[in-house]
Amino acid sequence: MSAATETHSLLEPIYDVTEGIASPASKIQYRFAFGKFLEYIPLSRERLLQKNSKELQAIVINYIKHLTAKRMKSGTIKLRVAVILHFFDMNDILLNKRKISRYIPEDEDHVEDECYTHQEIRRLLSVSDERTQVAIPLMANGMRIGALLHLQLRDLIKLEQYNLYKIQVYGRSKTGRHYTVCTPEYAAAIDSYLAYRKRFGEPAELNSAEPLIREQFNINDRLKAKHPKAAKLKTISETIERMVTKAGIETKGRLGEIMVYVNSKSLR
């Protein structure tokens, strides 16, 4: 069957966009990016896969034009397209990648990789709530936002003699598990955030499987406060973007959507 007429059989299983992706953080990124694509169409995965390759190529190209019109950065568009093509590849639908790639705009400048300065991060922290004051320093130290949202309180070990935390990243992964440490200043921010949660009924014990970065909650709803759920990528992304605007800082790169590019010296 030619690439121009190839479709997915109804009898074949549908492979998820995260199929074949090992990293938990990458899985979050892939789901987020592909979800944005489905919002744009909008079609279910099943209906999408019933279209032939030529139709799918046109859909992807139109999506690229849509993102370009929104003045989205070239690197972000490339990531979105790579996720979409991965989904089709996993479901045995081959598209003309060379043709599709020609519609991705070239970088106009190098702002995507520009770091946030020490002063800019301080300004961000000054307008942030307790939760965001915990999230930003970890990303500033190089942690991907997907890894951040997987952190549980049992991944934090308080080193009292140094007044800091030893943090286990990807604690449930056999291959990706590693450790980092935070500064005393950041440890104080974590302590303040956990104390805030405890005031409204959450146990927030360090040896628990509760998320480090939890969903926001109504302080008058003690039942919801007591049973935290991990914050979603979209929520944290949008929160950080609001803080950037509030602090009067120019957005640099893909802040809030995938990860934050910042200067790690800001934590010292």
Protein backbone atom coordinates (compact mmCIF):
# COMPACT_ATOMS: atom_id res chain seq x y z
CA MET A 1 0.00 0.00 0.00
CA SER A 2 1.40 3.40 -0.93
CA ALA A 3 2.15 6.11 1.61
CA ALA A 4 -0.47 8.33 -0.07
CA THR A 5 -3.36 5.93 0.69
CA GLU A 6 -2.12 4.18 3.82
CA THR A 7 -4.57 4.08 6.74
CA HIS A 8 -4.84 2.28 10.07
CA SER A 9 -7.00 -0.84 10.14
CA LEU A 10 -9.86 -0.89 12.65
CA LEU A 11 -8.70 -4.36 13.68
CA GLU A 12 -5.22 -3.17 14.63
CA PRO A 13 -4.42 -1.93 18.14
CA ILE A 14 -3.87 1.79 18.55
CA TYR A 15 -0.54 2.61 20.14
CA ASP A 16 -0.42 5.56 22.50
CA VAL A 17 1.79 8.54 21.74
CA THR A 18 4.02 7.56 24.69
CA GLU A 19 4.60 4.04 23.38
CA GLY A 20 8.33 3.33 23.24
CA ILE A 21 9.20 6.34 25.41
CA ALA A 22 11.06 5.33 28.57
CA SER A 23 11.46 8.61 30.44
CA PRO A 24 8.49 9.55 32.69
CA ALA A 25 9.23 13.23 32.04
CA SER A 26 9.23 12.69 28.27
CA LYS A 27 5.91 10.86 28.52
CA ILE A 28 4.37 13.92 30.17
CA GLN A 29 5.77 16.14 27.43
CA TYR A 30 4.50 13.85 24.67
CA ARG A 31 0.99 13.66 26.14
CA PHE A 32 0.87 17.43 26.53
CA ALA A 33 2.09 18.14 22.99
CA PHE A 34 -0.18 15.55 21.38
CA GLY A 35 -3.14 16.76 23.43
CA LYS A 36 -2.64 20.24 21.96
CA PHE A 37 -2.69 18.72 18.48
CA LEU A 38 -5.96 16.85 19.19
CA GLU A 39 -7.48 20.07 20.54
CA TYR A 40 -6.63 21.79 17.26
CA ILE A 41 -8.12 19.16 14.95
CA PRO A 42 -10.39 18.13 16.87
CA LEU A 43 -10.60 14.40 16.22
CA SER A 44 -10.28 11.26 18.30
CA ARG A 45 -7.23 9.08 17.75
CA GLU A 46 -9.47 6.48 16.13
CA ARG A 47 -10.96 8.90 13.59
CA LEU A 48 -7.58 10.45 12.97
CA LEU A 49 -6.01 7.14 12.06
CA GLN A 50 -8.74 6.37 9.54
CA LYS A 51 -7.56 9.20 7.32
CA ASN A 52 -5.07 8.43 4.59
CA SER A 53 -1.48 9.62 4.65
CA LYS A 54 -2.08 12.48 2.23
CA GLU A 55 -4.89 13.85 4.40
CA LEU A 56 -2.78 13.49 7.53
CA GLN A 57 0.13 15.33 5.94
CA ALA A 58 -2.20 18.20 5.10
CA ILE A 59 -3.50 18.27 8.68
CA VAL A 60 0.03 18.38 10.13
CA ILE A 61 1.13 21.09 7.69
CA ASN A 62 -1.93 23.20 8.51
CA TYR A 63 -1.17 22.73 12.21
CA ILE A 64 2.38 24.00 11.62
CA LYS A 65 0.95 27.05 9.82
CA HIS A 66 -1.41 27.60 12.75
CA LEU A 67 1.45 27.50 15.28
CA THR A 68 3.57 29.75 13.09
CA ALA A 69 0.75 32.30 12.87
CA LYS A 70 0.65 32.31 16.68
CA ARG A 71 4.36 33.24 16.56
CA MET A 72 5.38 30.08 18.34
CA LYS A 73 9.13 29.48 18.44
CA SER A 74 10.66 27.18 15.85
CA GLY A 75 12.06 24.82 18.50
CA THR A 76 8.63 24.36 20.08
CA ILE A 77 7.03 23.68 16.69
CA LYS A 78 9.72 21.10 15.92
CA LEU A 79 9.00 19.36 19.22
CA ARG A 80 5.24 19.34 18.58
CA VAL A 81 5.73 17.91 15.08
CA ALA A 82 8.20 15.26 16.31
CA VAL A 83 5.61 14.04 18.82
CA ILE A 84 2.90 13.85 16.15
CA LEU A 85 5.15 11.96 13.74
CA HIS A 86 6.14 9.56 16.51
CA PHE A 87 2.47 8.73 17.05
CA PHE A 88 1.94 7.98 13.38
CA ASP A 89 5.18 5.98 13.18
CA MET A 90 4.12 3.80 16.11
CA ASN A 91 0.83 3.13 14.33
CA ASP A 92 2.57 2.20 11.05
CA ILE A 93 1.50 5.28 9.10
CA LEU A 94 4.40 6.83 7.23
CA LEU A 95 4.26 10.49 6.30
CA ASN A 96 6.57 12.54 4.10
CA LYS A 97 8.69 14.01 6.89
CA ARG A 98 10.92 15.91 4.52
CA LYS A 99 7.94 17.70 3.00
CA ILE A 100 6.43 18.44 6.40
CA SER A 101 9.71 19.79 7.81
CA ARG A 102 9.89 22.41 5.04
CA TYR A 103 6.93 24.22 6.61
CA ILE A 104 8.61 24.61 10.00
CA PRO A 105 9.91 28.20 10.24
CA GLU A 106 13.58 28.86 10.78
CA ASP A 107 14.83 30.41 14.01
CA GLU A 108 14.81 34.18 13.78
CA ASP A 109 17.09 34.57 16.77
CA HIS A 110 18.62 32.62 19.62
CA VAL A 111 16.31 33.73 22.41
CA GLU A 112 15.06 30.17 22.96
CA ASP A 113 18.28 29.11 24.66
CA GLU A 114 18.81 32.34 26.57
CA CYS A 115 19.11 31.90 30.31
CA TYR A 116 17.11 33.73 32.94
CA THR A 117 19.44 35.80 35.05
CA HIS A 118 19.96 35.79 38.79
CA GLN A 119 18.00 39.04 39.10
CA GLU A 120 15.12 37.80 36.92
CA ILE A 121 14.68 34.64 38.96
CA ARG A 122 14.71 36.69 42.17
CA ARG A 123 11.94 38.83 40.70
CA LEU A 124 9.99 35.70 39.76
CA LEU A 125 10.28 34.32 43.28
CA SER A 126 9.23 37.64 44.81
CA VAL A 127 5.81 37.49 43.12
CA SER A 128 5.26 33.72 43.47
CA ASP A 129 3.20 31.76 45.97
CA GLU A 130 4.64 29.03 48.22
CA ARG A 131 4.19 26.29 45.64
CA THR A 132 5.82 28.18 42.78
CA GLN A 133 8.70 29.19 45.06
CA VAL A 134 9.41 25.47 45.40
CA ALA A 135 9.02 24.67 41.68
CA ILE A 136 11.16 27.44 40.16
CA PRO A 137 14.46 26.78 42.00
CA LEU A 138 14.41 23.09 41.08
CA MET A 139 13.94 23.93 37.41
CA ALA A 140 16.58 26.62 37.77
CA ASN A 141 18.95 23.91 38.89
CA GLY A 142 18.33 21.93 35.69
CA MET A 143 15.45 19.64 36.68
CA ARG A 144 12.93 19.03 33.91
CA ILE A 145 9.39 19.98 34.74
CA GLY A 146 8.21 16.40 34.15
CA ALA A 147 10.67 15.11 36.74
CA LEU A 148 9.58 17.83 39.14
CA LEU A 149 5.93 16.76 38.96
CA HIS A 150 6.90 13.15 39.70
CA LEU A 151 8.67 14.04 42.94
CA GLN A 152 7.08 12.61 46.08
CA LEU A 153 7.76 13.64 49.65
CA ARG A 154 9.55 10.33 50.24
CA ASP A 155 12.09 11.49 47.64
CA LEU A 156 13.26 14.21 50.03
CA ILE A 157 15.79 13.46 52.77
CA LYS A 158 16.44 16.30 55.21
CA LEU A 159 20.11 16.62 56.10
CA GLU A 160 19.69 18.49 59.36
CA GLN A 161 23.41 19.11 59.95
CA TYR A 162 23.61 21.02 56.66
CA ASN A 163 20.07 22.42 56.71
CA LEU A 164 19.30 21.17 53.19
CA TYR A 165 17.51 18.39 51.33
CA LYS A 166 18.94 15.48 49.37
CA ILE A 167 16.43 14.89 46.57
CA GLN A 168 15.95 11.64 44.66
CA VAL A 169 14.90 12.34 41.06
CA TYR A 170 12.91 9.67 39.15
CA GLY A 171 12.72 7.64 42.33
CA ARG A 172 10.59 4.90 40.78
CA SER A 173 12.82 4.47 37.72
CA LYS A 174 15.51 1.76 37.65
CA THR A 175 17.60 3.52 35.03
CA GLY A 176 16.89 7.23 35.48
CA ARG A 177 17.16 7.49 39.28
CA HIS A 178 19.70 10.00 40.55
CA TYR A 179 20.21 12.48 43.39
CA THR A 180 20.62 16.21 43.68
CA VAL A 181 20.82 18.56 46.65
CA CYS A 182 19.29 21.94 47.30
CA THR A 183 20.57 25.03 49.06
CA PRO A 184 19.55 25.97 52.63
CA GLU A 185 17.56 28.84 51.14
CA TYR A 186 15.57 26.43 48.99
CA ALA A 187 15.18 23.99 51.91
CA ALA A 188 13.52 26.82 53.84
CA ALA A 189 11.09 27.34 50.93
CA ILE A 190 10.19 23.61 50.99
CA ASP A 191 9.68 23.71 54.77
CA SER A 192 7.44 26.76 54.44
CA TYR A 193 5.36 25.11 51.70
CA LEU A 194 4.91 21.89 53.69
CA ALA A 195 4.01 23.86 56.81
CA TYR A 196 1.36 25.71 54.81
CA ARG A 197 -0.13 22.40 53.67
CA LYS A 198 -0.10 21.00 57.20
CA ARG A 199 -2.00 24.01 58.52
CA PHE A 200 -4.98 22.98 56.45
CA GLY A 201 -5.10 19.31 57.35
CA GLU A 202 -2.62 17.53 55.08
CA PRO A 203 -0.16 15.23 56.89
CA ALA A 204 2.64 16.21 54.47
CA GLU A 205 5.08 13.71 55.98
CA LEU A 206 8.46 13.30 54.29
CA ASN A 207 8.22 9.51 54.16
CA SER A 208 4.89 9.54 52.29
CA ALA A 209 3.99 9.06 48.63
CA GLU A 210 2.28 12.46 48.51
CA PRO A 211 3.44 14.76 45.69
CA LEU A 212 5.94 17.50 46.45
CA ILE A 213 4.13 19.82 44.04
CA ARG A 214 0.45 19.30 44.69
CA GLU A 215 -2.71 20.68 43.12
CA GLN A 216 -4.03 23.93 44.53
CA PHE A 217 -6.87 23.46 46.98
CA ASN A 218 -9.62 25.34 48.77
CA ILE A 219 -8.32 25.94 52.30
CA ASN A 220 -11.90 25.55 53.58
CA ASP A 221 -12.26 22.10 52.01
CA ARG A 222 -10.39 20.02 54.58
CA LEU A 223 -11.21 16.72 52.86
CA LYS A 224 -9.59 17.79 49.60
CA ALA A 225 -6.70 19.40 51.44
CA LYS A 226 -6.05 16.16 53.29
CA HIS A 227 -5.80 14.06 50.10
CA PRO A 228 -3.44 15.83 47.68
CA LYS A 229 -3.08 15.05 43.99
CA ALA A 230 -0.03 15.90 41.93
CA ALA A 231 -0.22 19.16 40.01
CA LYS A 232 -0.65 18.90 36.25
CA LEU A 233 1.96 20.05 33.75
CA LYS A 234 -0.42 22.52 32.12
CA THR A 235 -1.32 24.07 35.47
CA ILE A 236 2.29 24.62 36.55
CA SER A 237 3.23 25.88 33.10
CA GLU A 238 0.46 28.45 33.06
CA THR A 239 1.20 29.49 36.64
CA ILE A 240 4.85 30.18 35.85
CA GLU A 241 3.91 32.09 32.71
CA ARG A 242 1.59 34.29 34.79
CA MET A 243 4.39 34.92 37.27
CA VAL A 244 6.73 35.91 34.44
CA THR A 245 4.17 38.44 33.21
CA LYS A 246 3.50 39.69 36.72
CA ALA A 247 7.22 40.18 37.35
CA GLY A 248 7.56 42.11 34.09
CA ILE A 249 10.08 39.68 32.60
CA GLU A 250 10.34 38.94 28.89
CA THR A 251 9.48 35.32 28.10
CA LYS A 252 12.50 33.39 26.86
CA GLY A 253 12.05 30.16 24.97
CA ARG A 254 9.53 27.53 25.99
CA LEU A 255 8.96 28.72 29.53
CA GLY A 256 6.02 26.95 31.10
CA GLU A 257 5.31 24.52 28.27
CA ILE A 258 8.16 22.07 28.55
CA MET A 259 10.95 23.39 30.78
CA VAL A 260 12.54 26.54 32.06
CA TYR A 261 15.93 27.67 30.82
CA VAL A 262 17.56 29.52 33.68
CA ASN A 263 20.92 30.25 35.26
CA SER A 264 21.71 27.73 38.00
CA LYS A 265 23.84 30.33 39.79
CA SER A 266 20.60 31.98 40.84
CA LEU A 267 20.31 29.49 43.69
CA ARG A 268 23.58 30.54 45.30
